[in-house]
Protein backbone atom coordinates (compact mmCIF):
# COMPACT_ATOMS: atom_id res chain seq x y z
CA UNK A 1 5.93 -14.47 7.29
CA UNK A 2 5.07 -15.51 10.86
CA UNK A 3 5.04 -12.86 13.62
CA UNK A 4 4.76 -13.80 17.21
CA UNK A 5 2.84 -11.57 19.55
CA UNK A 6 2.91 -11.88 23.39
CA UNK A 7 -0.32 -10.78 25.05
CA UNK A 8 -0.49 -11.49 28.79
CA UNK A 9 0.64 -15.02 29.18
CA UNK A 10 -0.43 -16.24 25.69
CA UNK A 11 1.61 -16.32 22.50
CA UNK A 12 -0.15 -15.72 19.22
CA UNK A 13 1.40 -16.68 15.82
CA UNK A 14 0.06 -14.57 13.10
CA UNK A 15 0.75 -15.29 9.47
CA UNK A 16 1.17 -12.36 7.27
CA UNK A 17 0.00 -13.20 3.69
CA UNK A 18 -0.03 -9.77 2.12
CA UNK A 19 0.87 -6.06 2.79
CA UNK A 20 -0.21 -2.82 1.21
CA UNK A 21 2.51 -0.82 -0.63
CA UNK A 22 2.24 2.70 -1.71
CA UNK A 23 4.51 5.34 -3.38
CA UNK A 24 4.64 9.08 -3.17
CA UNK A 25 4.56 9.21 -7.00
CA UNK A 26 2.18 7.72 -9.44
CA UNK A 27 3.60 5.68 -12.49
CA UNK A 28 3.88 2.32 -14.14
CA UNK A 29 6.16 -0.29 -12.64
CA UNK A 30 9.18 -0.62 -14.93
CA UNK A 31 11.01 -3.44 -13.04
CA UNK A 32 10.43 -5.57 -10.00
CA UNK A 33 13.68 -5.94 -8.09
CA UNK A 34 12.84 -8.68 -5.54
CA UNK A 35 11.39 -12.13 -5.78
CA UNK A 36 8.19 -13.50 -4.09
CA UNK A 37 8.80 -14.36 -0.32
CA UNK A 38 12.18 -12.64 -0.41
CA UNK A 39 13.09 -10.98 2.78
CA UNK A 40 13.58 -7.23 2.60
CA UNK A 41 14.46 -4.50 5.02
CA UNK A 42 13.49 -0.95 5.52
CA UNK A 43 15.10 1.24 2.69
CA UNK A 44 15.35 -1.57 0.12
CA UNK A 45 14.30 -0.89 -3.43
CA UNK A 46 11.51 -3.04 -4.36
CA UNK A 47 10.49 -1.74 -7.77
CA UNK A 48 11.54 0.85 -10.31
CA UNK A 49 8.90 3.08 -11.49
CA UNK A 50 8.98 4.41 -15.23
CA UNK A 51 9.73 8.12 -14.97
CA UNK A 52 9.15 9.11 -18.61
CA UNK A 53 5.86 10.76 -17.71
CA UNK A 54 7.38 12.59 -14.77
CA UNK A 55 10.28 13.92 -16.82
CA UNK A 56 7.79 15.15 -19.49
CA UNK A 57 5.84 16.98 -16.86
CA UNK A 58 8.91 18.48 -15.45
CA UNK A 59 9.87 19.96 -18.91
CA UNK A 60 6.43 21.32 -19.28
CA UNK A 61 6.73 23.01 -15.93
CA UNK A 62 10.20 24.43 -16.86
CA UNK A 63 8.85 25.99 -19.99
CA UNK A 64 5.84 27.35 -18.15
CA UNK A 65 8.23 28.98 -15.65
CA UNK A 66 10.26 30.60 -18.38
CA UNK A 67 7.18 32.34 -19.91
């Protein structure tokens, strides 16, 4: 991806080779839904996270609350 920046009367072209992604939840990537160099927009789903561990933790919390 090439971004153009205007600073005073100069134009700079910067090539973006990588970005840092993070999630609010930890887990293993189950499926990647985009291809390399594919254009995406804000809100697009990029990967699916395996939720089996999260569901297991949820069940433990439910049982704990019932005690």
